Amino acid sequence: MNQTITQVDTLTNIPFKGNPAAVCVLETSQPDDWMQKIAQEINLSETAFLIKQNDKYNLRWFTPRVEVLLCGHGTLASAHVLWS
């Protein structure tokens, strides 16, 4: 499976500054353990998964260790990826 993952430096407009988050846009849902392994491999504080559902997206956030209920900079990074 080829999967594009984008790293976004949030809360800044200066490269290599701010708070980095990875964003992975998925066409279909993937198993939780698969998303957890991706987050572990990327090893940033947060990896956001945008899961396409009709004309909307479901958003989930994973640290390298656990899924979290909310992540502000992961949400900002996700919006940046969708609107760029």
C-alpha atoms as a PDB file:
ATOM      1  CA  MET A   1       0.000   0.000   0.000  1.00  0.00           C
ATOM      2  CA  ASN A   2       1.423   3.381  -1.021  1.00  0.00           C
ATOM      3  CA  GLN A   3       0.390   6.141   1.334  1.00  0.00           C
ATOM      4  CA  THR A   4       1.285   9.818   1.208  1.00  0.00           C
ATOM      5  CA  ILE A   5       2.087  11.388   4.550  1.00  0.00           C
ATOM      6  CA  THR A   6       2.624  15.136   4.897  1.00  0.00           C
ATOM      7  CA  GLN A   7       4.526  16.767   7.727  1.00  0.00           C
ATOM      8  CA  VAL A   8       3.310  20.258   8.606  1.00  0.00           C
ATOM      9  CA  ASP A   9       5.016  22.747  10.931  1.00  0.00           C
ATOM     10  CA  THR A  10       2.007  24.357  12.611  1.00  0.00           C
ATOM     11  CA  LEU A  11       1.741  27.656  14.460  1.00  0.00           C
ATOM     12  CA  THR A  12       4.512  29.262  12.369  1.00  0.00           C
ATOM     13  CA  ASN A  13       5.363  30.383   8.863  1.00  0.00           C
ATOM     14  CA  ILE A  14       9.076  29.706   9.374  1.00  0.00           C
ATOM     15  CA  PRO A  15      10.425  26.350   8.133  1.00  0.00           C
ATOM     16  CA  PHE A  16      11.662  23.974  10.857  1.00  0.00           C
ATOM     17  CA  LYS A  17       9.924  25.942  13.619  1.00  0.00           C
ATOM     18  CA  GLY A  18       6.519  25.608  15.266  1.00  0.00           C
ATOM     19  CA  ASN A  19       4.891  22.362  16.298  1.00  0.00           C
ATOM     20  CA  PRO A  20       5.190  19.540  13.717  1.00  0.00           C
ATOM     21  CA  ALA A  21       2.400  17.088  12.990  1.00  0.00           C
ATOM     22  CA  ALA A  22       2.035  14.416  10.336  1.00  0.00           C
ATOM     23  CA  VAL A  23      -1.155  14.158   8.272  1.00  0.00           C
ATOM     24  CA  CYS A  24      -2.272  11.037   6.452  1.00  0.00           C
ATOM     25  CA  VAL A  25      -5.330  11.321   4.160  1.00  0.00           C
ATOM     26  CA  LEU A  26      -7.073   7.960   3.740  1.00  0.00           C
ATOM     27  CA  GLU A  27      -9.671   7.035   1.126  1.00  0.00           C
ATOM     28  CA  THR A  28     -10.968   4.213   3.348  1.00  0.00           C
ATOM     29  CA  SER A  29     -10.771   3.438   7.037  1.00  0.00           C
ATOM     30  CA  GLN A  30      -7.828   1.363   8.221  1.00  0.00           C
ATOM     31  CA  PRO A  31      -7.494  -0.768  11.364  1.00  0.00           C
ATOM     32  CA  ASP A  32      -6.554   1.046  14.562  1.00  0.00           C
ATOM     33  CA  ASP A  33      -3.361  -0.980  14.952  1.00  0.00           C
ATOM     34  CA  TRP A  34      -2.257   0.021  11.417  1.00  0.00           C
ATOM     35  CA  MET A  35      -2.713   3.715  12.236  1.00  0.00           C
ATOM     36  CA  GLN A  36      -0.877   3.229  15.534  1.00  0.00           C
ATOM     37  CA  LYS A  37       2.063   1.585  13.736  1.00  0.00           C
ATOM     38  CA  ILE A  38       2.229   4.466  11.234  1.00  0.00           C
ATOM     39  CA  ALA A  39       2.294   6.965  14.121  1.00  0.00           C
ATOM     40  CA  GLN A  40       5.054   4.948  15.820  1.00  0.00           C
ATOM     41  CA  GLU A  41       7.119   4.913  12.645  1.00  0.00           C
ATOM     42  CA  ILE A  42       6.699   8.653  12.024  1.00  0.00           C
ATOM     43  CA  ASN A  43       7.486   9.310  15.701  1.00  0.00           C
ATOM     44  CA  LEU A  44       6.153  12.876  15.927  1.00  0.00           C
ATOM     45  CA  SER A  45       4.097  14.030  18.889  1.00  0.00           C
ATOM     46  CA  GLU A  46       0.956  13.627  16.747  1.00  0.00           C
ATOM     47  CA  THR A  47      -0.102  11.963  13.520  1.00  0.00           C
ATOM     48  CA  ALA A  48      -3.538  12.929  12.206  1.00  0.00           C
ATOM     49  CA  PHE A  49      -5.548  10.581  10.013  1.00  0.00           C
ATOM     50  CA  LEU A  50      -8.202  12.110   7.767  1.00  0.00           C
ATOM     51  CA  ILE A  51     -10.603   9.360   6.697  1.00  0.00           C
ATOM     52  CA  LYS A  52     -12.773  10.274   3.717  1.00  0.00           C
ATOM     53  CA  GLN A  53     -16.482   9.614   4.254  1.00  0.00           C
ATOM     54  CA  ASN A  54     -18.613  10.714   1.302  1.00  0.00           C
ATOM     55  CA  ASP A  55     -18.031  14.479   1.034  1.00  0.00           C
ATOM     56  CA  LYS A  56     -16.641  14.842   4.595  1.00  0.00           C
ATOM     57  CA  TYR A  57     -13.696  13.600   6.654  1.00  0.00           C
ATOM     58  CA  ASN A  58     -13.440  11.856   9.985  1.00  0.00           C
ATOM     59  CA  LEU A  59     -10.355  12.942  11.922  1.00  0.00           C
ATOM     60  CA  ARG A  60      -8.366  10.813  14.375  1.00  0.00           C
ATOM     61  CA  TRP A  61      -5.100  11.568  16.169  1.00  0.00           C
ATOM     62  CA  PHE A  62      -2.392   9.153  17.300  1.00  0.00           C
ATOM     63  CA  THR A  63       0.773   9.703  19.309  1.00  0.00           C
ATOM     64  CA  PRO A  64       3.524   7.103  18.945  1.00  0.00           C
ATOM     65  CA  ARG A  65       1.970   5.331  21.963  1.00  0.00           C
ATOM     66  CA  VAL A  66      -1.826   5.896  22.011  1.00  0.00           C
ATOM     67  CA  GLU A  67      -4.822   7.384  20.235  1.00  0.00           C
ATOM     68  CA  VAL A  68      -5.862  10.735  21.724  1.00  0.00           C
ATOM     69  CA  LEU A  69      -9.294  12.347  21.782  1.00  0.00           C
ATOM     70  CA  LEU A  70      -8.230  15.746  20.458  1.00  0.00           C
ATOM     71  CA  CYS A  71      -5.140  17.485  19.106  1.00  0.00           C
ATOM     72  CA  GLY A  72      -5.187  21.171  18.228  1.00  0.00           C
ATOM     73  CA  HIS A  73      -2.028  21.357  16.128  1.00  0.00           C
ATOM     74  CA  GLY A  74      -2.932  18.061  14.416  1.00  0.00           C
ATOM     75  CA  THR A  75      -6.271  19.581  13.465  1.00  0.00           C
ATOM     76  CA  LEU A  76      -4.599  22.740  12.126  1.00  0.00           C
ATOM     77  CA  ALA A  77      -2.148  20.602  10.126  1.00  0.00           C
ATOM     78  CA  SER A  78      -5.050  18.574   8.693  1.00  0.00           C
ATOM     79  CA  ALA A  79      -6.887  21.717   7.588  1.00  0.00           C
ATOM     80  CA  HIS A  80      -3.699  22.989   5.949  1.00  0.00           C
ATOM     81  CA  VAL A  81      -3.297  19.740   3.981  1.00  0.00           C
ATOM     82  CA  LEU A  82      -6.941  19.753   2.819  1.00  0.00           C
ATOM     83  CA  TRP A  83      -6.902  23.412   1.773  1.00  0.00           C
ATOM     84  CA  SER A  84      -3.436  23.489   0.167  1.00  0.00           C
END
